[in-house]
N, C-alpha and C. Protein backbone atom coordinates (compact mmCIF):
# COMPACT_ATOMS: atom_id res chain seq x y z
N MET A 1 -77.19 66.31 -45.17
CA MET A 1 -77.01 66.25 -43.70
C MET A 1 -75.68 66.77 -43.36
N SER A 2 -74.55 66.00 -43.98
CA SER A 2 -73.26 66.28 -43.48
C SER A 2 -72.85 67.58 -43.73
N LYS A 3 -73.37 68.24 -45.01
CA LYS A 3 -72.83 69.46 -45.38
C LYS A 3 -73.61 70.65 -44.39
N PHE A 4 -74.75 70.25 -43.87
CA PHE A 4 -75.58 71.13 -42.86
C PHE A 4 -74.67 71.10 -41.58
N LEU A 5 -74.26 69.93 -41.19
CA LEU A 5 -73.46 69.73 -39.88
C LEU A 5 -72.27 70.46 -39.95
N SER A 6 -71.62 70.31 -41.12
CA SER A 6 -70.19 70.93 -41.20
C SER A 6 -70.24 72.70 -41.40
N ILE A 7 -71.35 73.06 -41.85
CA ILE A 7 -71.82 74.34 -41.92
C ILE A 7 -71.99 74.99 -40.44
N LEU A 8 -72.87 74.19 -39.92
CA LEU A 8 -73.22 74.61 -38.42
C LEU A 8 -71.79 74.72 -37.47
N ILE A 9 -70.95 73.83 -37.58
CA ILE A 9 -69.88 73.68 -36.94
C ILE A 9 -68.95 74.84 -37.14
N ALA A 10 -68.70 75.07 -38.36
CA ALA A 10 -68.14 76.19 -38.91
C ALA A 10 -68.43 77.85 -38.50
N ALA A 11 -69.84 77.80 -38.52
CA ALA A 11 -70.56 78.88 -37.89
C ALA A 11 -70.20 78.91 -36.24
N VAL A 12 -70.44 78.12 -35.70
CA VAL A 12 -70.04 78.11 -34.20
C VAL A 12 -68.84 78.46 -33.81
N PHE A 13 -67.78 77.89 -34.68
CA PHE A 13 -66.30 78.28 -34.46
C PHE A 13 -65.93 79.71 -35.06
N ALA A 14 -66.75 80.20 -35.99
CA ALA A 14 -66.48 81.69 -36.54
C ALA A 14 -66.83 82.60 -35.50
N VAL A 15 -68.22 82.28 -34.80
CA VAL A 15 -68.64 83.06 -33.81
C VAL A 15 -67.99 83.25 -32.32
N SER A 16 -67.32 82.03 -32.14
CA SER A 16 -66.66 82.01 -31.02
C SER A 16 -65.19 82.64 -31.05
N THR A 17 -64.73 82.31 -32.13
CA THR A 17 -63.31 83.00 -32.61
C THR A 17 -63.53 84.64 -32.75
N GLY A 18 -64.72 84.95 -33.15
CA GLY A 18 -65.03 86.42 -33.43
C GLY A 18 -65.21 87.06 -32.01
N SER A 19 -65.86 86.61 -31.06
CA SER A 19 -66.15 87.06 -29.80
C SER A 19 -64.77 87.04 -28.99
N VAL A 20 -63.81 86.13 -29.09
CA VAL A 20 -62.56 86.14 -28.39
C VAL A 20 -61.70 87.39 -29.00
N PHE A 21 -61.78 87.46 -30.56
CA PHE A 21 -61.08 88.43 -31.09
C PHE A 21 -61.41 89.89 -30.52
N ALA A 22 -62.82 90.01 -30.57
CA ALA A 22 -63.27 91.20 -30.18
C ALA A 22 -63.04 91.57 -28.72
N ALA A 23 -63.26 90.75 -27.95
CA ALA A 23 -62.73 90.85 -26.43
C ALA A 23 -61.40 91.14 -26.27
N SER A 24 -60.53 90.70 -26.86
CA SER A 24 -59.10 90.93 -26.92
C SER A 24 -58.71 92.44 -27.27
N HIS A 25 -59.64 92.89 -28.29
CA HIS A 25 -59.31 94.23 -28.76
C HIS A 25 -59.87 95.21 -27.73
N MET A 26 -61.14 94.93 -27.12
CA MET A 26 -61.52 95.72 -26.16
C MET A 26 -60.68 95.91 -24.90
N LYS A 27 -60.15 94.95 -24.70
CA LYS A 27 -59.19 94.59 -23.45
C LYS A 27 -57.92 95.83 -23.73
N ALA A 28 -57.37 95.62 -24.90
CA ALA A 28 -56.48 96.62 -25.19
C ALA A 28 -56.63 97.83 -25.28
N ALA A 29 -57.84 98.15 -25.96
CA ALA A 29 -58.46 99.61 -25.77
C ALA A 29 -58.39 100.18 -24.34
N GLY A 30 -59.13 99.22 -23.58
CA GLY A 30 -59.31 99.61 -22.02
C GLY A 30 -57.86 99.89 -21.45
N GLY A 31 -56.91 99.01 -21.77
CA GLY A 31 -55.68 99.41 -21.29
C GLY A 31 -55.03 100.55 -21.55
N GLU A 32 -55.38 101.14 -22.70
CA GLU A 32 -54.72 102.49 -23.17
C GLU A 32 -55.45 103.71 -22.38
N LYS A 33 -56.61 103.52 -22.33
CA LYS A 33 -57.47 104.39 -21.44
C LYS A 33 -56.94 104.44 -20.03
N LYS A 34 -56.62 103.38 -19.44
CA LYS A 34 -56.38 103.41 -18.19
C LYS A 34 -54.71 104.01 -18.11
N GLU A 35 -53.87 103.98 -19.02
CA GLU A 35 -52.67 104.52 -18.98
C GLU A 35 -52.85 106.08 -19.04
N GLU A 36 -53.75 106.44 -20.01
CA GLU A 36 -53.91 107.97 -20.15
C GLU A 36 -54.62 108.56 -18.84
N MET A 37 -55.44 107.86 -18.09
CA MET A 37 -55.91 108.33 -17.16
C MET A 37 -54.84 108.39 -15.75
N LYS A 38 -54.02 107.40 -15.94
CA LYS A 38 -52.88 107.50 -14.89
C LYS A 38 -52.01 108.79 -15.03
N LYS A 39 -51.60 109.12 -16.41
CA LYS A 39 -50.98 110.27 -16.71
C LYS A 39 -51.68 111.62 -16.25
N ASP A 40 -52.77 111.50 -16.54
CA ASP A 40 -53.59 112.79 -16.06
C ASP A 40 -53.92 112.89 -14.65
N ALA A 41 -53.95 111.98 -13.81
CA ALA A 41 -54.25 111.61 -12.48
C ALA A 41 -53.03 112.46 -11.79
N LYS A 42 -53.68 113.44 -10.81
CA LYS A 42 -52.66 114.06 -9.89
C LYS A 42 -52.66 113.31 -8.65
N PRO A 43 -51.45 113.27 -7.94
CA PRO A 43 -51.40 112.88 -6.68
C PRO A 43 -52.23 113.63 -5.79
N ALA A 44 -52.57 112.68 -4.67
CA ALA A 44 -53.60 113.40 -3.70
C ALA A 44 -53.06 114.77 -3.04
N ALA A 45 -51.79 114.78 -2.89
CA ALA A 45 -51.24 116.13 -2.00
C ALA A 45 -51.44 117.18 -2.97
N GLU A 46 -51.21 117.05 -4.23
CA GLU A 46 -51.26 118.06 -5.21
C GLU A 46 -52.78 118.79 -5.28
N LYS A 47 -53.81 117.67 -5.12
CA LYS A 47 -55.28 118.03 -5.08
C LYS A 47 -55.59 118.81 -4.02
N LYS A 48 -55.01 118.23 -2.72
CA LYS A 48 -55.22 119.17 -1.57
C LYS A 48 -54.76 120.50 -1.77
N ALA A 49 -53.47 120.58 -1.97
CA ALA A 49 -53.12 122.01 -2.35
C ALA A 49 -53.71 122.90 -3.17
N GLU A 50 -54.16 122.60 -4.18
CA GLU A 50 -55.18 123.12 -5.13
C GLU A 50 -56.28 123.53 -4.46
N LYS A 51 -56.96 122.65 -3.72
CA LYS A 51 -58.18 123.13 -2.99
C LYS A 51 -57.88 124.10 -2.13
N LYS A 52 -56.91 124.01 -1.10
CA LYS A 52 -56.42 125.18 -0.37
C LYS A 52 -56.41 126.39 -1.02
N GLU A 53 -55.72 126.44 -2.10
CA GLU A 53 -55.55 127.62 -2.95
C GLU A 53 -56.74 128.30 -3.39
N MET A 54 -57.84 127.38 -3.69
CA MET A 54 -59.20 127.73 -4.13
C MET A 54 -59.95 128.29 -2.99
N LYS A 55 -59.65 127.77 -1.76
CA LYS A 55 -60.54 128.30 -0.63
C LYS A 55 -60.01 129.65 -0.42
N LYS A 56 -58.51 129.87 -0.37
CA LYS A 56 -58.08 131.15 -0.01
C LYS A 56 -58.54 132.24 -0.84
N GLU A 57 -58.46 131.97 -2.32
CA GLU A 57 -59.03 132.78 -3.41
C GLU A 57 -60.51 133.10 -2.94
N LYS A 58 -61.40 132.27 -2.65
CA LYS A 58 -62.56 132.62 -2.30
C LYS A 58 -62.69 133.70 -1.19
N LYS A 59 -61.93 133.22 -0.15
CA LYS A 59 -62.12 134.16 0.96
C LYS A 59 -61.63 135.59 0.74
N GLU A 60 -60.45 135.64 0.04
CA GLU A 60 -59.98 136.98 -0.53
C GLU A 60 -61.01 137.53 -1.13
N LYS A 61 -61.63 136.98 -2.24
CA LYS A 61 -62.77 137.73 -2.76
C LYS A 61 -63.92 138.26 -1.96
N LYS A 62 -64.47 137.44 -1.02
CA LYS A 62 -65.42 137.65 -0.02
C LYS A 62 -64.92 139.05 0.49
N GLU A 63 -63.79 139.04 1.09
CA GLU A 63 -63.31 140.15 1.84
C GLU A 63 -63.15 141.34 1.06
N MET A 64 -62.76 141.30 -0.15
CA MET A 64 -62.84 142.44 -1.15
C MET A 64 -64.20 142.82 -1.31
N LYS A 65 -65.09 141.93 -1.49
CA LYS A 65 -66.60 142.37 -1.58
C LYS A 65 -67.01 143.26 -0.54
N LYS A 66 -66.70 142.44 0.64
CA LYS A 66 -67.22 143.39 1.94
C LYS A 66 -66.46 144.83 2.19
N GLU A 67 -65.38 144.72 1.64
CA GLU A 67 -64.57 146.16 1.72
C GLU A 67 -65.32 147.01 0.71
N MET A 68 -65.62 146.74 -0.42
CA MET A 68 -66.33 147.44 -1.34
C MET A 68 -67.59 148.11 -0.82
N LYS A 69 -68.29 147.04 -0.13
CA LYS A 69 -69.64 147.56 0.27
C LYS A 69 -69.70 148.62 1.36
N LYS A 70 -68.43 148.34 2.15
CA LYS A 70 -68.14 149.28 3.37
C LYS A 70 -67.95 150.73 2.62
N GLU A 71 -67.19 150.58 1.54
CA GLU A 71 -66.83 152.00 1.07
C GLU A 71 -67.93 152.70 0.35
N GLU A 72 -68.75 151.85 -0.13
CA GLU A 72 -70.05 152.26 -0.80
C GLU A 72 -71.01 152.99 0.16
N LYS A 73 -71.01 152.46 1.30
CA LYS A 73 -71.95 152.85 2.27
C LYS A 73 -71.61 154.29 2.90
N LYS A 74 -70.14 154.53 2.70
CA LYS A 74 -69.70 155.84 3.29
C LYS A 74 -70.08 156.89 2.27
């Protein structure tokens, strides 16, 4: 009976230690991902500037298409 009890206590200790160990590794891995995301993230001002440029390009393309259609009709 005492052997069974000592094995049971050892198993509980091993499981709890393993879960803490795994959690600490997951936290460390998550921290690395956050740092990478911060490096890749652009400031809001840059994002707005890019959107404005994209809108200008779209407008220019639309205007070019309209001009081409007018020329084709002539």
